[in-house]
Amino acid sequence: MKNLTKQAIRDELIRLLNDKPLSKISVREICDDLGINHNTFYYYFSDIYAVIQEIFAESLQDVELTYQETDSWEKAFVKAVAPIMTNPKAVYHIYNSLRREDLENYIFSVGSQIMNRFVAGICPDLPARQEDRKLIAHFYGCALTEILLRWLEGGMKQKPEEMIDRIGFLFDGSIEEGLRRSAEQGKVQTEGGKVNG
C-alpha cells in the first residue's frame, strides 16, 4: 500500500505537469486530487521538488540496467530519453522552471554514466592512460548533454533515436582512435623517445 501511494503521488505530479507549469502546482492540489492528507505526502517527500528528483534518480537506475543488457551507448541513451518522450510537456515545464537544474543534472549524469562505461569497455587491453579514458568519456558525455539540452530547448522536434543514431554513425571509431593515440604516446614515453605534439 505504501509503495502504491508513493507511486500515485509521482504519477499525479507528472499528470499535472503535462497540463501546467511546475510553479502552478501545489502539494495541496496533489493531495486533493488523490484524496490523501498532507501528512501522507510529507511522509514520502519533503516537497514537490523531491518528487522530481526521485523520478530522475529512478530513471537513471533504469539506464544503468539497460547498459548492463547492451554495450551500445546509443541504445542506453535512447532509453534515457524515453521518459522525456513519454511526457514531453511535463519535461518541458520542468525545463522552463526554477528546477531546470534537476533536469540538466539528470541528463549530464546519464551522459557521463553511459560514456564512462562505454569508454571503459572499448579495447580494455589497450594500454591507454586512465586519465585519457576519463577525459574522452567526459568530453563525449558533455557533448551528448549539450546536444540533448539544445534539442529540448528547440521543442524536441526531431526523433531522439534518429539524432542519437546519426551521432553514433558519424563518430564511430573516434573514441577507439583517441585511445590508440593515448596508448601510442605512452609507448613512446616508455621507450624514452620524444613525444610529438
N, C-alpha and C. Protein backbone atom coordinates (compact mmCIF):
# COMPACT_ATOMS: atom_id res chain seq x y z
N MET A 1 0.82 -1.21 0.00
CA MET A 1 0.00 0.00 0.00
C MET A 1 0.86 1.26 0.00
N LYS A 2 1.95 1.22 0.78
CA LYS A 2 2.82 2.40 0.88
C LYS A 2 3.44 2.72 -0.49
N ASN A 3 3.96 1.70 -1.16
CA ASN A 3 4.56 1.93 -2.47
C ASN A 3 3.55 2.42 -3.48
N LEU A 4 2.30 1.93 -3.37
CA LEU A 4 1.25 2.38 -4.28
C LEU A 4 0.95 3.85 -4.08
N THR A 5 0.92 4.30 -2.83
CA THR A 5 0.66 5.71 -2.53
C THR A 5 1.80 6.58 -3.04
N LYS A 6 3.01 6.15 -2.82
CA LYS A 6 4.19 6.90 -3.27
C LYS A 6 4.18 7.03 -4.80
N GLN A 7 3.90 5.92 -5.47
CA GLN A 7 3.84 5.93 -6.93
C GLN A 7 2.70 6.81 -7.41
N ALA A 8 1.58 6.79 -6.70
CA ALA A 8 0.43 7.61 -7.09
C ALA A 8 0.78 9.10 -7.03
N ILE A 9 1.55 9.49 -6.02
CA ILE A 9 1.99 10.89 -5.90
C ILE A 9 2.86 11.26 -7.09
N ARG A 10 3.77 10.40 -7.44
CA ARG A 10 4.65 10.66 -8.58
C ARG A 10 3.84 10.75 -9.87
N ASP A 11 2.93 9.81 -10.07
CA ASP A 11 2.12 9.80 -11.29
C ASP A 11 1.24 11.04 -11.38
N GLU A 12 0.71 11.46 -10.25
CA GLU A 12 -0.16 12.64 -10.25
C GLU A 12 0.63 13.90 -10.59
N LEU A 13 1.84 14.00 -10.07
CA LEU A 13 2.66 15.17 -10.39
C LEU A 13 2.96 15.21 -11.88
N ILE A 14 3.30 14.07 -12.47
CA ILE A 14 3.57 14.02 -13.91
C ILE A 14 2.31 14.40 -14.69
N ARG A 15 1.16 13.89 -14.25
CA ARG A 15 -0.10 14.22 -14.93
C ARG A 15 -0.35 15.73 -14.91
N LEU A 16 -0.14 16.33 -13.76
CA LEU A 16 -0.35 17.78 -13.63
C LEU A 16 0.67 18.57 -14.45
N LEU A 17 1.91 18.08 -14.47
CA LEU A 17 2.95 18.76 -15.25
C LEU A 17 2.67 18.71 -16.75
N ASN A 18 1.91 17.72 -17.17
CA ASN A 18 1.54 17.66 -18.58
C ASN A 18 0.47 18.69 -18.93
N ASP A 19 -0.13 19.30 -17.88
CA ASP A 19 -1.18 20.29 -18.09
C ASP A 19 -0.74 21.72 -17.82
N LYS A 20 0.22 21.88 -16.88
CA LYS A 20 0.57 23.25 -16.50
C LYS A 20 1.99 23.33 -15.94
N PRO A 21 2.50 24.56 -15.84
CA PRO A 21 3.87 24.75 -15.34
C PRO A 21 4.03 24.29 -13.89
N LEU A 22 5.24 23.95 -13.53
CA LEU A 22 5.55 23.48 -12.18
C LEU A 22 5.17 24.52 -11.12
N SER A 23 5.37 25.79 -11.43
CA SER A 23 5.08 26.87 -10.47
C SER A 23 3.60 26.96 -10.12
N LYS A 24 2.74 26.37 -10.94
CA LYS A 24 1.29 26.42 -10.71
C LYS A 24 0.77 25.19 -9.96
N ILE A 25 1.67 24.28 -9.60
CA ILE A 25 1.26 23.03 -8.94
C ILE A 25 1.63 23.10 -7.46
N SER A 26 0.69 22.70 -6.61
CA SER A 26 0.93 22.72 -5.17
C SER A 26 0.75 21.34 -4.57
N VAL A 27 1.32 21.17 -3.39
CA VAL A 27 1.14 19.92 -2.65
C VAL A 27 -0.35 19.72 -2.36
N ARG A 28 -1.03 20.80 -2.03
CA ARG A 28 -2.47 20.73 -1.74
C ARG A 28 -3.24 20.14 -2.93
N GLU A 29 -2.91 20.60 -4.13
CA GLU A 29 -3.60 20.11 -5.32
C GLU A 29 -3.37 18.61 -5.52
N ILE A 30 -2.13 18.19 -5.34
CA ILE A 30 -1.81 16.76 -5.49
C ILE A 30 -2.59 15.94 -4.47
N CYS A 31 -2.59 16.40 -3.24
CA CYS A 31 -3.30 15.68 -2.16
C CYS A 31 -4.80 15.64 -2.41
N ASP A 32 -5.38 16.77 -2.82
CA ASP A 32 -6.82 16.82 -3.09
C ASP A 32 -7.19 15.88 -4.23
N ASP A 33 -6.37 15.87 -5.29
CA ASP A 33 -6.65 15.01 -6.45
C ASP A 33 -6.59 13.53 -6.07
N LEU A 34 -5.68 13.19 -5.16
CA LEU A 34 -5.51 11.79 -4.76
C LEU A 34 -6.39 11.39 -3.57
N GLY A 35 -6.96 12.38 -2.91
CA GLY A 35 -7.77 12.07 -1.73
C GLY A 35 -6.93 11.64 -0.54
N ILE A 36 -5.75 12.23 -0.41
CA ILE A 36 -4.88 11.93 0.73
C ILE A 36 -4.63 13.22 1.51
N ASN A 37 -4.18 13.10 2.76
CA ASN A 37 -3.89 14.32 3.52
C ASN A 37 -2.42 14.73 3.34
N HIS A 38 -2.14 15.92 3.78
CA HIS A 38 -0.78 16.47 3.60
C HIS A 38 0.28 15.64 4.31
N ASN A 39 -0.07 15.11 5.47
CA ASN A 39 0.89 14.30 6.22
C ASN A 39 1.34 13.07 5.42
N THR A 40 0.41 12.53 4.65
CA THR A 40 0.76 11.37 3.81
C THR A 40 1.78 11.76 2.77
N PHE A 41 1.56 12.90 2.12
CA PHE A 41 2.52 13.38 1.13
C PHE A 41 3.89 13.57 1.78
N TYR A 42 3.91 14.28 2.91
CA TYR A 42 5.19 14.62 3.55
C TYR A 42 5.85 13.41 4.22
N TYR A 43 5.11 12.34 4.38
CA TYR A 43 5.72 11.10 4.86
C TYR A 43 6.70 10.56 3.82
N TYR A 44 6.36 10.75 2.55
CA TYR A 44 7.18 10.23 1.44
C TYR A 44 8.15 11.26 0.87
N PHE A 45 7.72 12.51 0.81
CA PHE A 45 8.53 13.53 0.14
C PHE A 45 8.56 14.82 0.95
N SER A 46 9.69 15.48 0.93
CA SER A 46 9.82 16.75 1.67
C SER A 46 9.10 17.89 0.94
N ASP A 47 9.05 17.81 -0.40
CA ASP A 47 8.34 18.81 -1.19
C ASP A 47 8.17 18.28 -2.62
N ILE A 48 7.59 19.08 -3.48
CA ILE A 48 7.36 18.66 -4.86
C ILE A 48 8.68 18.39 -5.59
N TYR A 49 9.68 19.19 -5.27
CA TYR A 49 10.98 19.03 -5.94
C TYR A 49 11.62 17.69 -5.62
N ALA A 50 11.37 17.19 -4.41
CA ALA A 50 11.90 15.88 -4.03
C ALA A 50 11.26 14.77 -4.88
N VAL A 51 10.01 14.98 -5.26
CA VAL A 51 9.33 14.01 -6.13
C VAL A 51 10.04 13.97 -7.49
N ILE A 52 10.33 15.14 -8.02
CA ILE A 52 11.01 15.24 -9.32
C ILE A 52 12.39 14.58 -9.25
N GLN A 53 13.12 14.87 -8.18
CA GLN A 53 14.46 14.29 -8.04
C GLN A 53 14.41 12.77 -7.98
N GLU A 54 13.41 12.23 -7.30
CA GLU A 54 13.29 10.78 -7.21
C GLU A 54 12.95 10.16 -8.56
N ILE A 55 12.10 10.83 -9.32
CA ILE A 55 11.75 10.34 -10.66
C ILE A 55 13.01 10.26 -11.52
N PHE A 56 13.81 11.31 -11.48
CA PHE A 56 15.05 11.31 -12.27
C PHE A 56 16.03 10.26 -11.77
N ALA A 57 16.13 10.09 -10.45
CA ALA A 57 17.05 9.10 -9.88
C ALA A 57 16.65 7.69 -10.31
N GLU A 58 15.36 7.40 -10.32
CA GLU A 58 14.91 6.07 -10.73
C GLU A 58 15.15 5.85 -12.22
N SER A 59 14.94 6.89 -13.01
CA SER A 59 15.20 6.80 -14.45
C SER A 59 16.68 6.50 -14.70
N LEU A 60 17.54 7.09 -13.88
CA LEU A 60 18.98 6.87 -14.01
C LEU A 60 19.32 5.41 -13.71
N GLN A 61 18.66 4.81 -12.73
CA GLN A 61 18.87 3.39 -12.42
C GLN A 61 18.43 2.51 -13.59
N ASP A 62 17.32 2.89 -14.23
CA ASP A 62 16.84 2.14 -15.40
C ASP A 62 17.86 2.17 -16.53
N VAL A 63 18.49 3.33 -16.71
CA VAL A 63 19.52 3.47 -17.76
C VAL A 63 20.70 2.56 -17.45
N GLU A 64 21.08 2.50 -16.18
CA GLU A 64 22.20 1.64 -15.78
C GLU A 64 21.89 0.18 -16.07
N LEU A 65 20.66 -0.24 -15.78
CA LEU A 65 20.26 -1.62 -16.06
C LEU A 65 20.25 -1.89 -17.56
N THR A 66 19.80 -0.91 -18.34
CA THR A 66 19.79 -1.06 -19.79
C THR A 66 21.19 -1.26 -20.32
N TYR A 67 22.15 -0.49 -19.76
CA TYR A 67 23.51 -0.60 -20.26
C TYR A 67 24.12 -1.96 -19.92
N GLN A 68 23.67 -2.56 -18.83
CA GLN A 68 24.18 -3.88 -18.48
C GLN A 68 23.68 -4.94 -19.47
N GLU A 69 22.55 -4.66 -20.12
CA GLU A 69 21.97 -5.60 -21.08
C GLU A 69 22.52 -5.42 -22.49
N THR A 70 23.10 -4.27 -22.76
CA THR A 70 23.64 -3.99 -24.09
C THR A 70 24.90 -3.16 -23.94
N ASP A 71 25.84 -3.31 -24.85
CA ASP A 71 27.05 -2.49 -24.78
C ASP A 71 26.97 -1.31 -25.76
N SER A 72 25.75 -1.00 -26.18
CA SER A 72 25.54 0.10 -27.11
C SER A 72 25.19 1.37 -26.34
N TRP A 73 26.03 2.39 -26.43
CA TRP A 73 25.72 3.64 -25.74
C TRP A 73 24.49 4.29 -26.38
N GLU A 74 24.30 4.06 -27.68
CA GLU A 74 23.14 4.64 -28.36
C GLU A 74 21.83 4.11 -27.77
N LYS A 75 21.74 2.78 -27.58
CA LYS A 75 20.52 2.19 -27.03
C LYS A 75 20.28 2.65 -25.60
N ALA A 76 21.35 2.75 -24.83
CA ALA A 76 21.21 3.20 -23.45
C ALA A 76 20.74 4.65 -23.40
N PHE A 77 21.25 5.48 -24.31
CA PHE A 77 20.86 6.89 -24.32
C PHE A 77 19.42 7.06 -24.78
N VAL A 78 19.00 6.26 -25.76
CA VAL A 78 17.60 6.30 -26.21
C VAL A 78 16.68 5.92 -25.04
N LYS A 79 17.11 4.93 -24.25
CA LYS A 79 16.34 4.52 -23.06
C LYS A 79 16.24 5.67 -22.07
N ALA A 80 17.32 6.43 -21.94
CA ALA A 80 17.34 7.55 -21.02
C ALA A 80 16.39 8.66 -21.45
N VAL A 81 16.20 8.80 -22.76
CA VAL A 81 15.34 9.85 -23.30
C VAL A 81 13.87 9.42 -23.30
N ALA A 82 13.60 8.13 -23.15
CA ALA A 82 12.23 7.60 -23.21
C ALA A 82 11.25 8.32 -22.28
N PRO A 83 11.63 8.60 -20.99
CA PRO A 83 10.68 9.31 -20.13
C PRO A 83 10.34 10.70 -20.66
N ILE A 84 11.30 11.31 -21.33
CA ILE A 84 11.07 12.63 -21.91
C ILE A 84 10.04 12.54 -23.03
N MET A 85 10.17 11.51 -23.87
CA MET A 85 9.26 11.35 -24.99
C MET A 85 7.87 10.91 -24.54
N THR A 86 7.80 10.21 -23.41
CA THR A 86 6.51 9.77 -22.88
C THR A 86 5.70 10.96 -22.34
N ASN A 87 6.41 11.90 -21.74
CA ASN A 87 5.76 13.08 -21.13
C ASN A 87 6.47 14.37 -21.55
N PRO A 88 6.46 14.69 -22.84
CA PRO A 88 7.22 15.85 -23.32
C PRO A 88 6.78 17.18 -22.70
N LYS A 89 5.48 17.35 -22.48
CA LYS A 89 5.01 18.61 -21.89
C LYS A 89 5.48 18.75 -20.45
N ALA A 90 5.44 17.64 -19.72
CA ALA A 90 5.90 17.65 -18.32
C ALA A 90 7.37 18.02 -18.25
N VAL A 91 8.17 17.42 -19.11
CA VAL A 91 9.61 17.70 -19.13
C VAL A 91 9.86 19.15 -19.54
N TYR A 92 9.09 19.61 -20.53
CA TYR A 92 9.23 20.99 -20.99
C TYR A 92 8.92 21.97 -19.86
N HIS A 93 7.90 21.65 -19.05
CA HIS A 93 7.56 22.52 -17.92
C HIS A 93 8.66 22.50 -16.85
N ILE A 94 9.29 21.35 -16.65
CA ILE A 94 10.41 21.30 -15.71
C ILE A 94 11.59 22.10 -16.25
N TYR A 95 11.84 21.94 -17.56
CA TYR A 95 12.96 22.64 -18.21
C TYR A 95 12.80 24.16 -18.10
N ASN A 96 11.57 24.63 -18.13
CA ASN A 96 11.31 26.07 -18.07
C ASN A 96 10.94 26.54 -16.66
N SER A 97 11.34 25.77 -15.66
CA SER A 97 11.03 26.15 -14.28
C SER A 97 12.33 26.45 -13.53
N LEU A 98 12.16 26.80 -12.26
CA LEU A 98 13.32 27.04 -11.41
C LEU A 98 14.08 25.74 -11.13
N ARG A 99 13.48 24.59 -11.47
CA ARG A 99 14.13 23.30 -11.23
C ARG A 99 14.79 22.75 -12.49
N ARG A 100 15.07 23.61 -13.44
CA ARG A 100 15.76 23.18 -14.66
C ARG A 100 17.05 22.44 -14.32
N GLU A 101 17.70 22.87 -13.25
CA GLU A 101 18.97 22.25 -12.84
C GLU A 101 18.82 20.75 -12.58
N ASP A 102 17.69 20.32 -12.02
CA ASP A 102 17.46 18.90 -11.77
C ASP A 102 17.46 18.12 -13.08
N LEU A 103 16.81 18.67 -14.09
CA LEU A 103 16.76 18.03 -15.40
C LEU A 103 18.14 18.02 -16.04
N GLU A 104 18.84 19.13 -15.97
CA GLU A 104 20.19 19.22 -16.55
C GLU A 104 21.13 18.23 -15.86
N ASN A 105 21.03 18.13 -14.53
CA ASN A 105 21.88 17.19 -13.79
C ASN A 105 21.57 15.75 -14.18
N TYR A 106 20.27 15.46 -14.37
CA TYR A 106 19.88 14.11 -14.79
C TYR A 106 20.51 13.77 -16.15
N ILE A 107 20.36 14.68 -17.10
CA ILE A 107 20.89 14.44 -18.45
C ILE A 107 22.41 14.31 -18.41
N PHE A 108 23.08 15.17 -17.63
CA PHE A 108 24.54 15.08 -17.53
C PHE A 108 24.95 13.76 -16.87
N SER A 109 24.23 13.36 -15.82
CA SER A 109 24.56 12.09 -15.14
C SER A 109 24.40 10.91 -16.09
N VAL A 110 23.33 10.96 -16.89
CA VAL A 110 23.10 9.90 -17.87
C VAL A 110 24.24 9.85 -18.88
N GLY A 111 24.55 11.01 -19.47
CA GLY A 111 25.62 11.07 -20.47
C GLY A 111 26.95 10.60 -19.91
N SER A 112 27.27 11.05 -18.70
CA SER A 112 28.55 10.67 -18.07
C SER A 112 28.59 9.17 -17.77
N GLN A 113 27.51 8.66 -17.19
CA GLN A 113 27.48 7.24 -16.82
C GLN A 113 27.60 6.34 -18.06
N ILE A 114 26.85 6.67 -19.08
CA ILE A 114 26.87 5.86 -20.30
C ILE A 114 28.25 5.90 -20.95
N MET A 115 28.81 7.08 -21.09
CA MET A 115 30.09 7.19 -21.79
C MET A 115 31.24 6.62 -20.96
N ASN A 116 31.19 6.75 -19.64
CA ASN A 116 32.23 6.15 -18.79
C ASN A 116 32.26 4.63 -18.98
N ARG A 117 31.08 4.02 -18.98
CA ARG A 117 31.01 2.57 -19.16
C ARG A 117 31.45 2.17 -20.57
N PHE A 118 31.00 2.96 -21.55
CA PHE A 118 31.33 2.63 -22.93
C PHE A 118 32.83 2.72 -23.18
N VAL A 119 33.44 3.83 -22.76
CA VAL A 119 34.88 4.02 -22.98
C VAL A 119 35.69 2.98 -22.21
N ALA A 120 35.26 2.64 -21.01
CA ALA A 120 35.97 1.63 -20.22
C ALA A 120 35.94 0.27 -20.92
N GLY A 121 34.88 0.02 -21.70
CA GLY A 121 34.75 -1.28 -22.36
C GLY A 121 35.40 -1.37 -23.72
N ILE A 122 35.86 -0.24 -24.26
CA ILE A 122 36.50 -0.26 -25.59
C ILE A 122 37.96 -0.65 -25.45
N CYS A 123 38.33 -1.67 -26.18
CA CYS A 123 39.74 -2.14 -26.20
C CYS A 123 40.33 -2.13 -24.79
N PRO A 124 39.77 -2.91 -23.87
CA PRO A 124 40.26 -2.87 -22.48
C PRO A 124 41.73 -3.27 -22.34
N ASP A 125 42.25 -4.03 -23.31
CA ASP A 125 43.65 -4.43 -23.25
C ASP A 125 44.59 -3.36 -23.80
N LEU A 126 44.03 -2.34 -24.44
CA LEU A 126 44.86 -1.26 -24.99
C LEU A 126 45.41 -0.43 -23.83
N PRO A 127 46.73 -0.25 -23.76
CA PRO A 127 47.32 0.46 -22.61
C PRO A 127 47.17 1.98 -22.69
N ALA A 128 45.95 2.44 -22.90
CA ALA A 128 45.70 3.88 -22.89
C ALA A 128 45.71 4.37 -21.45
N ARG A 129 46.11 5.61 -21.24
CA ARG A 129 46.15 6.18 -19.89
C ARG A 129 44.74 6.29 -19.34
N GLN A 130 44.57 5.96 -18.07
CA GLN A 130 43.25 6.06 -17.43
C GLN A 130 42.74 7.50 -17.46
N GLU A 131 43.68 8.47 -17.31
CA GLU A 131 43.27 9.87 -17.35
C GLU A 131 42.69 10.21 -18.71
N ASP A 132 43.26 9.62 -19.76
CA ASP A 132 42.76 9.87 -21.11
C ASP A 132 41.39 9.22 -21.31
N ARG A 133 41.23 8.02 -20.78
CA ARG A 133 39.92 7.37 -20.87
C ARG A 133 38.85 8.24 -20.20
N LYS A 134 39.17 8.76 -19.02
CA LYS A 134 38.23 9.62 -18.30
C LYS A 134 37.95 10.90 -19.06
N LEU A 135 38.99 11.47 -19.66
CA LEU A 135 38.84 12.72 -20.42
C LEU A 135 37.96 12.51 -21.65
N ILE A 136 38.17 11.42 -22.35
CA ILE A 136 37.37 11.12 -23.54
C ILE A 136 35.91 10.90 -23.14
N ALA A 137 35.69 10.13 -22.08
CA ALA A 137 34.31 9.87 -21.62
C ALA A 137 33.64 11.18 -21.19
N HIS A 138 34.38 12.03 -20.51
CA HIS A 138 33.84 13.32 -20.06
C HIS A 138 33.48 14.20 -21.25
N PHE A 139 34.36 14.23 -22.24
CA PHE A 139 34.13 15.05 -23.44
C PHE A 139 32.84 14.62 -24.15
N TYR A 140 32.69 13.32 -24.38
CA TYR A 140 31.51 12.83 -25.09
C TYR A 140 30.25 12.94 -24.23
N GLY A 141 30.40 12.75 -22.92
CA GLY A 141 29.25 12.92 -22.03
C GLY A 141 28.75 14.36 -22.05
N CYS A 142 29.68 15.33 -22.02
CA CYS A 142 29.30 16.75 -22.09
C CYS A 142 28.67 17.09 -23.44
N ALA A 143 29.24 16.54 -24.51
CA ALA A 143 28.71 16.80 -25.85
C ALA A 143 27.28 16.28 -25.97
N LEU A 144 27.03 15.06 -25.50
CA LEU A 144 25.67 14.50 -25.55
C LEU A 144 24.70 15.30 -24.70
N THR A 145 25.15 15.75 -23.54
CA THR A 145 24.30 16.56 -22.67
C THR A 145 23.89 17.85 -23.37
N GLU A 146 24.86 18.53 -23.95
CA GLU A 146 24.57 19.80 -24.61
C GLU A 146 23.65 19.62 -25.81
N ILE A 147 23.88 18.58 -26.59
CA ILE A 147 23.02 18.30 -27.75
C ILE A 147 21.58 18.05 -27.29
N LEU A 148 21.42 17.27 -26.22
CA LEU A 148 20.09 16.96 -25.73
C LEU A 148 19.40 18.19 -25.15
N LEU A 149 20.14 19.04 -24.46
CA LEU A 149 19.56 20.26 -23.91
C LEU A 149 19.11 21.21 -25.02
N ARG A 150 19.91 21.32 -26.08
CA ARG A 150 19.53 22.16 -27.22
C ARG A 150 18.29 21.57 -27.93
N TRP A 151 18.22 20.25 -27.94
CA TRP A 151 17.06 19.57 -28.53
C TRP A 151 15.79 19.89 -27.73
N LEU A 152 15.91 19.87 -26.40
CA LEU A 152 14.78 20.23 -25.54
C LEU A 152 14.37 21.68 -25.76
N GLU A 153 15.36 22.55 -25.82
CA GLU A 153 15.09 23.97 -26.00
C GLU A 153 14.42 24.24 -27.35
N GLY A 154 14.75 23.43 -28.35
CA GLY A 154 14.19 23.61 -29.68
C GLY A 154 12.82 22.99 -29.86
N GLY A 155 12.25 22.46 -28.80
CA GLY A 155 10.90 21.91 -28.87
C GLY A 155 10.83 20.43 -29.18
N MET A 156 11.97 19.71 -29.12
CA MET A 156 12.01 18.25 -29.27
C MET A 156 11.37 17.80 -30.59
N LYS A 157 11.68 18.49 -31.68
CA LYS A 157 11.04 18.19 -32.97
C LYS A 157 11.59 16.93 -33.63
N GLN A 158 12.89 16.72 -33.54
CA GLN A 158 13.50 15.54 -34.17
C GLN A 158 13.35 14.33 -33.26
N LYS A 159 13.15 13.15 -33.85
CA LYS A 159 13.09 11.93 -33.04
C LYS A 159 14.46 11.69 -32.41
N PRO A 160 14.52 11.47 -31.09
CA PRO A 160 15.81 11.33 -30.42
C PRO A 160 16.63 10.16 -30.93
N GLU A 161 15.96 9.04 -31.26
CA GLU A 161 16.71 7.87 -31.74
C GLU A 161 17.40 8.15 -33.07
N GLU A 162 16.76 8.97 -33.91
CA GLU A 162 17.38 9.34 -35.19
C GLU A 162 18.62 10.19 -34.95
N MET A 163 18.49 11.17 -34.06
CA MET A 163 19.59 12.06 -33.73
C MET A 163 20.76 11.28 -33.11
N ILE A 164 20.45 10.41 -32.15
CA ILE A 164 21.48 9.65 -31.45
C ILE A 164 22.15 8.64 -32.38
N ASP A 165 21.36 7.97 -33.20
CA ASP A 165 21.93 7.02 -34.16
C ASP A 165 22.85 7.72 -35.15
N ARG A 166 22.47 8.93 -35.56
CA ARG A 166 23.30 9.68 -36.51
C ARG A 166 24.63 10.07 -35.89
N ILE A 167 24.58 10.50 -34.64
CA ILE A 167 25.82 10.84 -33.93
C ILE A 167 26.71 9.61 -33.83
N GLY A 168 26.10 8.46 -33.48
CA GLY A 168 26.86 7.22 -33.38
C GLY A 168 27.52 6.85 -34.70
N PHE A 169 26.78 7.04 -35.79
CA PHE A 169 27.32 6.72 -37.12
C PHE A 169 28.48 7.66 -37.49
N LEU A 170 28.30 8.95 -37.27
CA LEU A 170 29.31 9.94 -37.68
C LEU A 170 30.61 9.82 -36.88
N PHE A 171 30.48 9.47 -35.61
CA PHE A 171 31.67 9.43 -34.76
C PHE A 171 32.15 8.02 -34.44
N ASP A 172 31.61 7.05 -35.14
CA ASP A 172 32.03 5.66 -34.93
C ASP A 172 33.53 5.52 -35.14
N GLY A 173 34.21 4.94 -34.17
CA GLY A 173 35.65 4.72 -34.28
C GLY A 173 36.50 5.84 -33.71
N SER A 174 35.90 7.01 -33.45
CA SER A 174 36.69 8.15 -32.97
C SER A 174 37.22 7.93 -31.55
N ILE A 175 36.43 7.28 -30.72
CA ILE A 175 36.88 7.02 -29.34
C ILE A 175 38.02 6.03 -29.35
N GLU A 176 37.86 4.97 -30.14
CA GLU A 176 38.94 3.98 -30.24
C GLU A 176 40.22 4.61 -30.76
N GLU A 177 40.09 5.51 -31.74
CA GLU A 177 41.27 6.19 -32.28
C GLU A 177 41.95 7.03 -31.21
N GLY A 178 41.15 7.73 -30.39
CA GLY A 178 41.73 8.53 -29.30
C GLY A 178 42.47 7.66 -28.30
N LEU A 179 41.92 6.49 -28.00
CA LEU A 179 42.57 5.58 -27.06
C LEU A 179 43.86 5.01 -27.65
N ARG A 180 43.86 4.75 -28.94
CA ARG A 180 45.08 4.25 -29.61
C ARG A 180 46.18 5.31 -29.56
N ARG A 181 45.80 6.56 -29.76
CA ARG A 181 46.78 7.65 -29.70
C ARG A 181 47.37 7.75 -28.30
N SER A 182 46.51 7.61 -27.29
CA SER A 182 46.98 7.65 -25.90
C SER A 182 47.97 6.52 -25.64
N ALA A 183 47.61 5.33 -26.11
CA ALA A 183 48.49 4.17 -25.91
C ALA A 183 49.81 4.35 -26.64
N GLU A 184 49.74 4.89 -27.85
CA GLU A 184 50.96 5.10 -28.64
C GLU A 184 51.87 6.13 -27.99
N GLN A 185 51.27 7.19 -27.47
CA GLN A 185 52.05 8.21 -26.79
C GLN A 185 52.73 7.63 -25.55
N GLY A 186 51.99 6.80 -24.81
CA GLY A 186 52.56 6.16 -23.63
C GLY A 186 53.72 5.25 -23.98
N LYS A 187 53.59 4.57 -25.13
CA LYS A 187 54.65 3.68 -25.59
C LYS A 187 55.91 4.47 -25.91
N VAL A 188 55.73 5.60 -26.59
CA VAL A 188 56.88 6.45 -26.94
C VAL A 188 57.56 6.97 -25.69
N GLN A 189 56.76 7.40 -24.71
CA GLN A 189 57.33 7.91 -23.46
C GLN A 189 58.07 6.82 -22.70
N THR A 190 57.52 5.62 -22.72
CA THR A 190 58.17 4.50 -22.02
C THR A 190 59.52 4.16 -22.65
N GLU A 191 59.58 4.29 -23.95
CA GLU A 191 60.82 3.98 -24.65
C GLU A 191 61.83 5.12 -24.55
N GLY A 192 61.43 6.19 -23.89
CA GLY A 192 62.37 7.31 -23.71
C GLY A 192 62.43 8.24 -24.89
N GLY A 193 61.51 8.06 -25.82
CA GLY A 193 61.50 8.92 -27.01
C GLY A 193 60.87 10.26 -26.70
N LYS A 194 60.95 11.16 -27.65
CA LYS A 194 60.36 12.49 -27.50
C LYS A 194 58.93 12.42 -28.00
N VAL A 195 58.02 12.97 -27.22
CA VAL A 195 56.62 12.97 -27.59
C VAL A 195 56.35 14.06 -28.59
N ASN A 196 55.71 13.65 -29.69
CA ASN A 196 55.36 14.65 -30.72
C ASN A 196 54.08 15.36 -30.30
N GLY A 197 54.00 16.69 -30.58
CA GLY A 197 52.81 17.46 -30.24
C GLY A 197 51.73 17.10 -31.19
